[in-house]
PDB file of N, CA and C in Angstrom:
ATOM      1  N   UNK A   1       1.021  -1.138   0.713  1.00  0.00           N
ATOM      2  CA  UNK A   1      -0.059  -0.332  -0.245  1.00  0.00           C
ATOM      3  C   UNK A   1       1.120   1.172   0.008  1.00  0.00           C
ATOM      4  N   UNK A   2       0.745   2.057  -1.223  1.00  0.00           N
ATOM      5  CA  UNK A   2       1.320   3.529  -0.790  1.00  0.00           C
ATOM      6  C   UNK A   2       1.114   4.237  -0.164  1.00  0.00           C
ATOM      7  N   UNK A   3       1.681   5.942   0.109  1.00  0.00           N
ATOM      8  CA  UNK A   3       0.794   6.741   1.029  1.00  0.00           C
ATOM      9  C   UNK A   3      -0.465   6.771   0.285  1.00  0.00           C
ATOM     10  N   UNK A   4      -0.523   7.613  -0.925  1.00  0.00           N
ATOM     11  CA  UNK A   4      -1.788   7.639  -1.482  1.00  0.00           C
ATOM     12  C   UNK A   4      -2.992   7.388  -0.939  1.00  0.00           C
ATOM     13  N   UNK A   5      -2.739   5.971  -1.167  1.00  0.00           N
ATOM     14  CA  UNK A   5      -3.818   4.287  -0.749  1.00  0.00           C
ATOM     15  C   UNK A   5      -4.264   4.642   0.758  1.00  0.00           C
ATOM     16  N   UNK A   6      -2.640   5.011   1.643  1.00  0.00           N
ATOM     17  CA  UNK A   6      -3.359   4.478   2.921  1.00  0.00           C
ATOM     18  C   UNK A   6      -3.681   6.150   3.313  1.00  0.00           C
ATOM     19  N   UNK A   7      -3.188   6.844   2.466  1.00  0.00           N
ATOM     20  CA  UNK A   7      -4.324   8.752   2.825  1.00  0.00           C
ATOM     21  C   UNK A   7      -5.563   7.943   2.496  1.00  0.00           C
ATOM     22  N   UNK A   8      -5.777   8.119   1.214  1.00  0.00           N
ATOM     23  CA  UNK A   8      -7.040   7.589   1.203  1.00  0.00           C
ATOM     24  C   UNK A   8      -8.537   6.950   2.465  1.00  0.00           C
ATOM     25  N   UNK A   9      -7.566   5.928   2.906  1.00  0.00           N
ATOM     26  CA  UNK A   9      -7.683   5.119   3.712  1.00  0.00           C
ATOM     27  C   UNK A   9      -8.340   5.329   5.056  1.00  0.00           C
ATOM     28  N   UNK A  10      -7.375   6.656   5.152  1.00  0.00           N
ATOM     29  CA  UNK A  10      -8.197   7.243   6.542  1.00  0.00           C
ATOM     30  C   UNK A  10      -8.974   8.369   6.566  1.00  0.00           C
ATOM     31  N   UNK A  11      -8.584   9.245   5.336  1.00  0.00           N
ATOM     32  CA  UNK A  11      -9.567  10.115   4.485  1.00  0.00           C
ATOM     33  C   UNK A  11     -11.497   9.250   4.621  1.00  0.00           C
ATOM     34  N   UNK A  12     -11.279   7.727   4.751  1.00  0.00           N
ATOM     35  CA  UNK A  12     -12.792   7.280   4.106  1.00  0.00           C
ATOM     36  C   UNK A  12     -13.222   6.616   5.974  1.00  0.00           C
ATOM     37  N   UNK A  13     -11.987   6.192   6.537  1.00  0.00           N
ATOM     38  CA  UNK A  13     -12.700   5.983   7.840  1.00  0.00           C
ATOM     39  C   UNK A  13     -12.742   7.535   8.517  1.00  0.00           C
ATOM     40  N   UNK A  14     -12.307   7.898   8.709  1.00  0.00           N
ATOM     41  CA  UNK A  14     -12.685   9.602   9.007  1.00  0.00           C
ATOM     42  C   UNK A  14     -14.522   9.702   8.951  1.00  0.00           C
ATOM     43  N   UNK A  15     -14.231   9.750   7.402  1.00  0.00           N
ATOM     44  CA  UNK A  15     -16.121   9.898   7.011  1.00  0.00           C
ATOM     45  C   UNK A  15     -16.693   8.922   7.572  1.00  0.00           C
ATOM     46  N   UNK A  16     -16.515   7.719   7.770  1.00  0.00           N
ATOM     47  CA  UNK A  16     -17.267   6.997   8.123  1.00  0.00           C
ATOM     48  C   UNK A  16     -17.662   7.009   9.972  1.00  0.00           C
ATOM     49  N   UNK A  17     -16.618   7.303  10.195  1.00  0.00           N
ATOM     50  CA  UNK A  17     -16.502   7.928  11.820  1.00  0.00           C
ATOM     51  C   UNK A  17     -17.190   9.036  12.190  1.00  0.00           C
ATOM     52  N   UNK A  18     -17.032  10.278  11.678  1.00  0.00           N
ATOM     53  CA  UNK A  18     -18.353  11.508  11.788  1.00  0.00           C
ATOM     54  C   UNK A  18     -19.817  10.918  10.944  1.00  0.00           C
ATOM     55  N   UNK A  19     -19.719   9.809  10.343  1.00  0.00           N
ATOM     56  CA  UNK A  19     -20.959   9.790   9.873  1.00  0.00           C
ATOM     57  C   UNK A  19     -21.948   8.160  11.269  1.00  0.00           C
ATOM     58  N   UNK A  20     -21.068   7.827  11.919  1.00  0.00           N
ATOM     59  CA  UNK A  20     -21.552   7.397  12.653  1.00  0.00           C
ATOM     60  C   UNK A  20     -22.093   8.430  14.309  1.00  0.00           C
ATOM     61  N   UNK A  21     -20.786   9.581  14.167  1.00  0.00           N
ATOM     62  CA  UNK A  21     -20.931  10.302  15.204  1.00  0.00           C
ATOM     63  C   UNK A  21     -21.982  11.730  15.175  1.00  0.00           C
ATOM     64  N   UNK A  22     -22.601  11.615  13.648  1.00  0.00           N
ATOM     65  CA  UNK A  22     -23.331  12.353  13.415  1.00  0.00           C
ATOM     66  C   UNK A  22     -24.504  11.254  14.240  1.00  0.00           C
ATOM     67  N   UNK A  23     -25.129   9.902  13.538  1.00  0.00           N
ATOM     68  CA  UNK A  23     -26.117   9.326  13.578  1.00  0.00           C
ATOM     69  C   UNK A  23     -26.535   9.525  15.127  1.00  0.00           C
ATOM     70  N   UNK A  24     -25.278   8.755  16.304  1.00  0.00           N
ATOM     71  CA  UNK A  24     -25.849   8.381  17.347  1.00  0.00           C
ATOM     72  C   UNK A  24     -25.539   9.777  17.990  1.00  0.00           C
ATOM     73  N   UNK A  25     -25.525  11.116  17.375  1.00  0.00           N
ATOM     74  CA  UNK A  25     -25.676  13.060  17.642  1.00  0.00           C
ATOM     75  C   UNK A  25     -27.410  12.946  18.040  1.00  0.00           C
ATOM     76  N   UNK A  26     -27.861  12.546  16.550  1.00  0.00           N
ATOM     77  CA  UNK A  26     -29.579  12.497  16.980  1.00  0.00           C
ATOM     78  C   UNK A  26     -29.953  11.164  16.982  1.00  0.00           C
ATOM     79  N   UNK A  27     -29.549  10.515  17.786  1.00  0.00           N
ATOM     80  CA  UNK A  27     -30.731   9.414  17.794  1.00  0.00           C
ATOM     81  C   UNK A  27     -30.270   9.827  19.546  1.00  0.00           C
ATOM     82  N   UNK A  28     -29.746  10.928  20.273  1.00  0.00           N
ATOM     83  CA  UNK A  28     -29.286  11.353  21.587  1.00  0.00           C
ATOM     84  C   UNK A  28     -30.943  12.957  21.729  1.00  0.00           C
ATOM     85  N   UNK A  29     -30.829  13.167  20.235  1.00  0.00           N
ATOM     86  CA  UNK A  29     -31.635  14.586  20.658  1.00  0.00           C
ATOM     87  C   UNK A  29     -32.883  13.980  20.588  1.00  0.00           C
ATOM     88  N   UNK A  30     -33.418  12.648  19.482  1.00  0.00           N
ATOM     89  CA  UNK A  30     -34.879  12.470  19.758  1.00  0.00           C
ATOM     90  C   UNK A  30     -35.140  11.653  21.304  1.00  0.00           C
ATOM     91  N   UNK A  31     -34.475  10.839  21.978  1.00  0.00           N
ATOM     92  CA  UNK A  31     -34.343  10.089  22.955  1.00  0.00           C
ATOM     93  C   UNK A  31     -35.179  11.354  24.118  1.00  0.00           C
ATOM     94  N   UNK A  32     -34.133  12.766  24.155  1.00  0.00           N
ATOM     95  CA  UNK A  32     -34.046  13.474  24.953  1.00  0.00           C
ATOM     96  C   UNK A  32     -35.593  14.606  24.774  1.00  0.00           C
ATOM     97  N   UNK A  33     -35.633  14.462  22.992  1.00  0.00           N
ATOM     98  CA  UNK A  33     -37.199  15.265  23.038  1.00  0.00           C
ATOM     99  C   UNK A  33     -37.807  14.629  23.475  1.00  0.00           C
ATOM    100  N   UNK A  34     -37.848  12.870  23.537  1.00  0.00           N
ATOM    101  CA  UNK A  34     -38.856  11.941  23.556  1.00  0.00           C
ATOM    102  C   UNK A  34     -39.680  11.983  25.210  1.00  0.00           C
ATOM    103  N   UNK A  35     -37.873  12.018  25.967  1.00  0.00           N
ATOM    104  CA  UNK A  35     -38.920  12.251  27.720  1.00  0.00           C
ATOM    105  C   UNK A  35     -39.018  13.179  27.864  1.00  0.00           C
ATOM    106  N   UNK A  36     -38.430  14.548  26.908  1.00  0.00           N
ATOM    107  CA  UNK A  36     -39.173  16.175  27.633  1.00  0.00           C
ATOM    108  C   UNK A  36     -41.026  15.803  26.835  1.00  0.00           C
ATOM    109  N   UNK A  37     -41.486  15.353  25.928  1.00  0.00           N
ATOM    110  CA  UNK A  37     -42.254  15.083  25.503  1.00  0.00           C
ATOM    111  C   UNK A  37     -43.588  15.015  26.766  1.00  0.00           C
ATOM    112  N   UNK A  38     -43.249  13.359  26.584  1.00  0.00           N
ATOM    113  CA  UNK A  38     -43.343  12.926  27.509  1.00  0.00           C
ATOM    114  C   UNK A  38     -42.979  12.405  28.945  1.00  0.00           C
ATOM    115  N   UNK A  39     -42.433  13.920  30.098  1.00  0.00           N
ATOM    116  CA  UNK A  39     -42.470  14.834  31.341  1.00  0.00           C
ATOM    117  C   UNK A  39     -42.995  15.870  30.857  1.00  0.00           C
ATOM    118  N   UNK A  40     -44.059  16.694  29.630  1.00  0.00           N
ATOM    119  CA  UNK A  40     -44.372  17.439  30.075  1.00  0.00           C
ATOM    120  C   UNK A  40     -45.681  17.380  30.351  1.00  0.00           C
ATOM    121  N   UNK A  41     -46.305  18.246  30.864  1.00  0.00           N
ATOM    122  CA  UNK A  41     -48.007  18.186  31.090  1.00  0.00           C
ATOM    123  C   UNK A  41     -48.791  18.668  30.654  1.00  0.00           C
ATOM    124  N   UNK A  42     -49.672  18.990  30.228  1.00  0.00           N
ATOM    125  CA  UNK A  42     -50.760  19.718  29.720  1.00  0.00           C
ATOM    126  C   UNK A  42     -50.956  21.189  30.186  1.00  0.00           C
ATOM    127  N   UNK A  43     -50.568  21.379  31.544  1.00  0.00           N
ATOM    128  CA  UNK A  43     -51.319  22.325  32.136  1.00  0.00           C
ATOM    129  C   UNK A  43     -49.718  23.372  31.901  1.00  0.00           C
ATOM    130  N   UNK A  44     -49.154  22.347  32.319  1.00  0.00           N
ATOM    131  CA  UNK A  44     -47.495  23.198  32.641  1.00  0.00           C
ATOM    132  C   UNK A  44     -46.790  22.592  31.547  1.00  0.00           C
ATOM    133  N   UNK A  45     -46.133  23.397  30.157  1.00  0.00           N
ATOM    134  CA  UNK A  45     -45.723  23.424  29.377  1.00  0.00           C
ATOM    135  C   UNK A  45     -43.876  23.320  29.300  1.00  0.00           C
ATOM    136  N   UNK A  46     -43.496  22.976  31.381  1.00  0.00           N
ATOM    137  CA  UNK A  46     -42.316  22.853  30.760  1.00  0.00           C
ATOM    138  C   UNK A  46     -42.462  22.521  32.171  1.00  0.00           C
ATOM    139  N   UNK A  47     -40.613  21.595  31.718  1.00  0.00           N
ATOM    140  CA  UNK A  47     -39.975  20.610  32.756  1.00  0.00           C
ATOM    141  C   UNK A  47     -38.576  21.236  33.363  1.00  0.00           C
ATOM    142  N   UNK A  48     -38.830  19.961  35.336  1.00  0.00           N
ATOM    143  CA  UNK A  48     -37.224  21.078  35.749  1.00  0.00           C
ATOM    144  C   UNK A  48     -37.079  20.048  34.412  1.00  0.00           C
ATOM    145  N   UNK A  49     -35.500  20.745  34.815  1.00  0.00           N
ATOM    146  CA  UNK A  49     -33.997  19.783  33.855  1.00  0.00           C
ATOM    147  C   UNK A  49     -33.508  19.246  34.631  1.00  0.00           C
ATOM    148  N   UNK A  50     -33.852  18.831  35.948  1.00  0.00           N
ATOM    149  CA  UNK A  50     -33.166  17.732  36.974  1.00  0.00           C
ATOM    150  C   UNK A  50     -33.606  16.178  36.299  1.00  0.00           C
ATOM    151  N   UNK A  51     -35.317  17.070  35.838  1.00  0.00           N
ATOM    152  CA  UNK A  51     -36.279  15.210  36.122  1.00  0.00           C
ATOM    153  C   UNK A  51     -35.540  15.546  34.473  1.00  0.00           C
ATOM    154  N   UNK A  52     -35.219  16.141  33.383  1.00  0.00           N
ATOM    155  CA  UNK A  52     -34.863  15.345  32.405  1.00  0.00           C
ATOM    156  C   UNK A  52     -33.571  14.201  32.442  1.00  0.00           C
ATOM    157  N   UNK A  53     -32.822  15.042  33.077  1.00  0.00           N
ATOM    158  CA  UNK A  53     -31.394  14.802  33.717  1.00  0.00           C
ATOM    159  C   UNK A  53     -31.661  13.321  33.922  1.00  0.00           C
ATOM    160  N   UNK A  54     -32.630  13.066  35.155  1.00  0.00           N
ATOM    161  CA  UNK A  54     -32.635  12.375  35.848  1.00  0.00           C
ATOM    162  C   UNK A  54     -33.388  10.887  34.802  1.00  0.00           C
ATOM    163  N   UNK A  55     -34.248  10.684  33.899  1.00  0.00           N
ATOM    164  CA  UNK A  55     -35.107   9.881  33.684  1.00  0.00           C
ATOM    165  C   UNK A  55     -34.219   9.748  32.361  1.00  0.00           C
ATOM    166  N   UNK A  56     -33.007  10.465  31.477  1.00  0.00           N
ATOM    167  CA  UNK A  56     -32.345  10.048  30.470  1.00  0.00           C
ATOM    168  C   UNK A  56     -31.153   9.616  31.671  1.00  0.00           C
ATOM    169  N   UNK A  57     -30.658   9.471  32.547  1.00  0.00           N
ATOM    170  CA  UNK A  57     -29.849   8.482  33.064  1.00  0.00           C
ATOM    171  C   UNK A  57     -30.271   6.961  33.011  1.00  0.00           C
ATOM    172  N   UNK A  58     -31.659   7.113  33.443  1.00  0.00           N
ATOM    173  CA  UNK A  58     -32.530   5.803  34.316  1.00  0.00           C
ATOM    174  C   UNK A  58     -31.912   5.118  32.946  1.00  0.00           C
ATOM    175  N   UNK A  59     -32.072   5.767  31.815  1.00  0.00           N
ATOM    176  CA  UNK A  59     -32.453   5.013  30.694  1.00  0.00           C
ATOM    177  C   UNK A  59     -31.335   4.925  29.143  1.00  0.00           C
ATOM    178  N   UNK A  60     -29.980   5.180  30.531  1.00  0.00           N
ATOM    179  CA  UNK A  60     -28.763   5.101  29.991  1.00  0.00           C
ATOM    180  C   UNK A  60     -27.833   5.913  29.547  1.00  0.00           C
ATOM    181  N   UNK A  61     -28.213   6.957  29.514  1.00  0.00           N
ATOM    182  CA  UNK A  61     -27.249   7.874  29.161  1.00  0.00           C
ATOM    183  C   UNK A  61     -26.369   9.135  30.368  1.00  0.00           C
ATOM    184  N   UNK A  62     -25.431   8.883  30.462  1.00  0.00           N
ATOM    185  CA  UNK A  62     -24.320   9.964  31.431  1.00  0.00           C
ATOM    186  C   UNK A  62     -24.942  11.480  31.008  1.00  0.00           C
ATOM    187  N   UNK A  63     -24.914  11.898  32.641  1.00  0.00           N
ATOM    188  CA  UNK A  63     -25.435  12.965  32.953  1.00  0.00           C
ATOM    189  C   UNK A  63     -24.533  13.712  31.496  1.00  0.00           C
ATOM    190  N   UNK A  64     -23.523  14.336  31.321  1.00  0.00           N
ATOM    191  CA  UNK A  64     -22.603  14.453  30.933  1.00  0.00           C
ATOM    192  C   UNK A  64     -23.244  14.791  29.414  1.00  0.00           C
ATOM    193  N   UNK A  65     -23.813  13.523  28.962  1.00  0.00           N
ATOM    194  CA  UNK A  65     -24.638  13.815  27.323  1.00  0.00           C
ATOM    195  C   UNK A  65     -25.328  14.161  27.403  1.00  0.00           C
ATOM    196  N   UNK A  66     -26.583  14.026  28.021  1.00  0.00           N
ATOM    197  CA  UNK A  66     -27.475  14.690  28.647  1.00  0.00           C
ATOM    198  C   UNK A  66     -26.964  16.761  28.816  1.00  0.00           C
ATOM    199  N   UNK A  67     -26.207  16.908  29.395  1.00  0.00           N
ATOM    200  CA  UNK A  67     -26.288  17.643  29.158  1.00  0.00           C
ATOM    201  C   UNK A  67     -26.106  18.998  27.673  1.00  0.00           C
ATOM    202  N   UNK A  68     -24.793  17.726  27.336  1.00  0.00           N
ATOM    203  CA  UNK A  68     -24.154  18.574  26.164  1.00  0.00           C
ATOM    204  C   UNK A  68     -25.227  18.307  24.937  1.00  0.00           C
ATOM    205  N   UNK A  69     -26.391  17.061  24.780  1.00  0.00           N
ATOM    206  CA  UNK A  69     -27.311  17.222  23.199  1.00  0.00           C
ATOM    207  C   UNK A  69     -28.458  18.378  24.304  1.00  0.00           C
ATOM    208  N   UNK A  70     -28.716  18.074  25.762  1.00  0.00           N
ATOM    209  CA  UNK A  70     -29.148  19.528  25.982  1.00  0.00           C
ATOM    210  C   UNK A  70     -28.852  20.695  25.773  1.00  0.00           C
ATOM    211  N   UNK A  71     -28.030  21.405  25.173  1.00  0.00           N
ATOM    212  CA  UNK A  71     -27.024  22.657  25.548  1.00  0.00           C
ATOM    213  C   UNK A  71     -27.359  22.478  23.260  1.00  0.00           C
ATOM    214  N   UNK A  72     -27.344  21.162  22.761  1.00  0.00           N
ATOM    215  CA  UNK A  72     -27.162  21.208  20.896  1.00  0.00           C
ATOM    216  C   UNK A  72     -28.445  21.253  21.324  1.00  0.00           C
ATOM    217  N   UNK A  73     -29.534  21.287  21.347  1.00  0.00           N
ATOM    218  CA  UNK A  73     -31.365  21.510  21.396  1.00  0.00           C
ATOM    219  C   UNK A  73     -31.712  22.717  21.431  1.00  0.00           C
ATOM    220  N   UNK A  74     -31.022  23.265  22.249  1.00  0.00           N
ATOM    221  CA  UNK A  74     -30.578  25.269  23.079  1.00  0.00           C
ATOM    222  C   UNK A  74     -30.530  25.625  21.232  1.00  0.00           C
ATOM    223  N   UNK A  75     -29.259  25.117  20.701  1.00  0.00           N
ATOM    224  CA  UNK A  75     -28.877  25.723  19.815  1.00  0.00           C
ATOM    225  C   UNK A  75     -29.322  25.457  18.576  1.00  0.00           C
ATOM    226  N   UNK A  76     -30.081  24.257  19.017  1.00  0.00           N
ATOM    227  CA  UNK A  76     -31.029  24.416  17.487  1.00  0.00           C
ATOM    228  C   UNK A  76     -31.949  24.691  17.812  1.00  0.00           C
ATOM    229  N   UNK A  77     -32.891  25.012  18.392  1.00  0.00           N
ATOM    230  CA  UNK A  77     -34.039  25.892  18.538  1.00  0.00           C
ATOM    231  C   UNK A  77     -35.073  24.904  18.878  1.00  0.00           C
ATOM    232  N   UNK A  78     -34.824  23.767  19.654  1.00  0.00           N
ATOM    233  CA  UNK A  78     -35.651  22.547  19.924  1.00  0.00           C
ATOM    234  C   UNK A  78     -36.436  22.528  20.918  1.00  0.00           C
ATOM    235  N   UNK A  79     -35.444  23.411  21.671  1.00  0.00           N
ATOM    236  CA  UNK A  79     -36.255  23.950  23.210  1.00  0.00           C
ATOM    237  C   UNK A  79     -35.291  24.489  23.716  1.00  0.00           C
ATOM    238  N   UNK A  80     -36.618  25.943  24.696  1.00  0.00           N
ATOM    239  CA  UNK A  80     -35.689  26.884  24.958  1.00  0.00           C
ATOM    240  C   UNK A  80     -35.779  26.848  26.582  1.00  0.00           C
ATOM    241  N   UNK A  81     -35.369  27.749  27.508  1.00  0.00           N
ATOM    242  CA  UNK A  81     -35.394  27.582  28.938  1.00  0.00           C
ATOM    243  C   UNK A  81     -35.547  28.971  30.020  1.00  0.00           C
ATOM    244  N   UNK A  82     -36.948  28.439  29.240  1.00  0.00           N
ATOM    245  CA  UNK A  82     -37.764  29.662  30.064  1.00  0.00           C
ATOM    246  C   UNK A  82     -37.465  30.208  30.901  1.00  0.00           C
ATOM    247  N   UNK A  83     -36.556  29.683  32.043  1.00  0.00           N
ATOM    248  CA  UNK A  83     -36.061  30.144  33.627  1.00  0.00           C
ATOM    249  C   UNK A  83     -35.669  28.961  33.592  1.00  0.00           C
ATOM    250  N   UNK A  84     -34.807  29.568  34.765  1.00  0.00           N
ATOM    251  CA  UNK A  84     -33.637  28.528  35.256  1.00  0.00           C
ATOM    252  C   UNK A  84     -34.211  27.522  36.042  1.00  0.00           C
ATOM    253  N   UNK A  85     -33.169  25.919  35.079  1.00  0.00           N
ATOM    254  CA  UNK A  85     -33.523  25.070  35.316  1.00  0.00           C
ATOM    255  C   UNK A  85     -34.810  24.290  35.330  1.00  0.00           C
ATOM    256  N   UNK A  86     -35.435  24.680  34.405  1.00  0.00           N
ATOM    257  CA  UNK A  86     -36.501  24.264  33.438  1.00  0.00           C
ATOM    258  C   UNK A  86     -36.416  24.299  31.649  1.00  0.00           C
ATOM    259  N   UNK A  87     -36.874  23.552  31.514  1.00  0.00           N
ATOM    260  CA  UNK A  87     -36.885  22.826  29.748  1.00  0.00           C
ATOM    261  C   UNK A  87     -38.086  23.438  28.944  1.00  0.00           C
ATOM    262  N   UNK A  88     -38.570  23.652  28.496  1.00  0.00           N
ATOM    263  CA  UNK A  88     -39.161  23.838  27.724  1.00  0.00           C
ATOM    264  C   UNK A  88     -39.591  23.366  26.025  1.00  0.00           C
ATOM    265  N   UNK A  89     -40.117  22.915  25.240  1.00  0.00           N
ATOM    266  CA  UNK A  89     -39.989  22.951  23.558  1.00  0.00           C
ATOM    267  C   UNK A  89     -40.029  24.344  22.876  1.00  0.00           C
ATOM    268  N   UNK A  90     -39.811  24.671  22.229  1.00  0.00           N
ATOM    269  CA  UNK A  90     -39.755  25.771  20.811  1.00  0.00           C
ATOM    270  C   UNK A  90     -41.108  26.111  20.545  1.00  0.00           C
TER     271      UNK A  90
END
């Protein structure tokens, strides 16, 4: 295998890794949105952020991942933080 073939192989592997990471991130976003939807009541459209974190942890997501994905959901305008400690669908 020459250097050009090796470089091409590395490039393809990196592309595949990014694709898998993007799919995993999307799955995490969907999981958190489902959790938020399940925890929100008809009367009060917001939910304690801590309740979301606890439920996600019970479903196998580490707290650091939950915090990271919540930030991404806010940046993507899927959720808002109407007041400190609460999240709400945008």
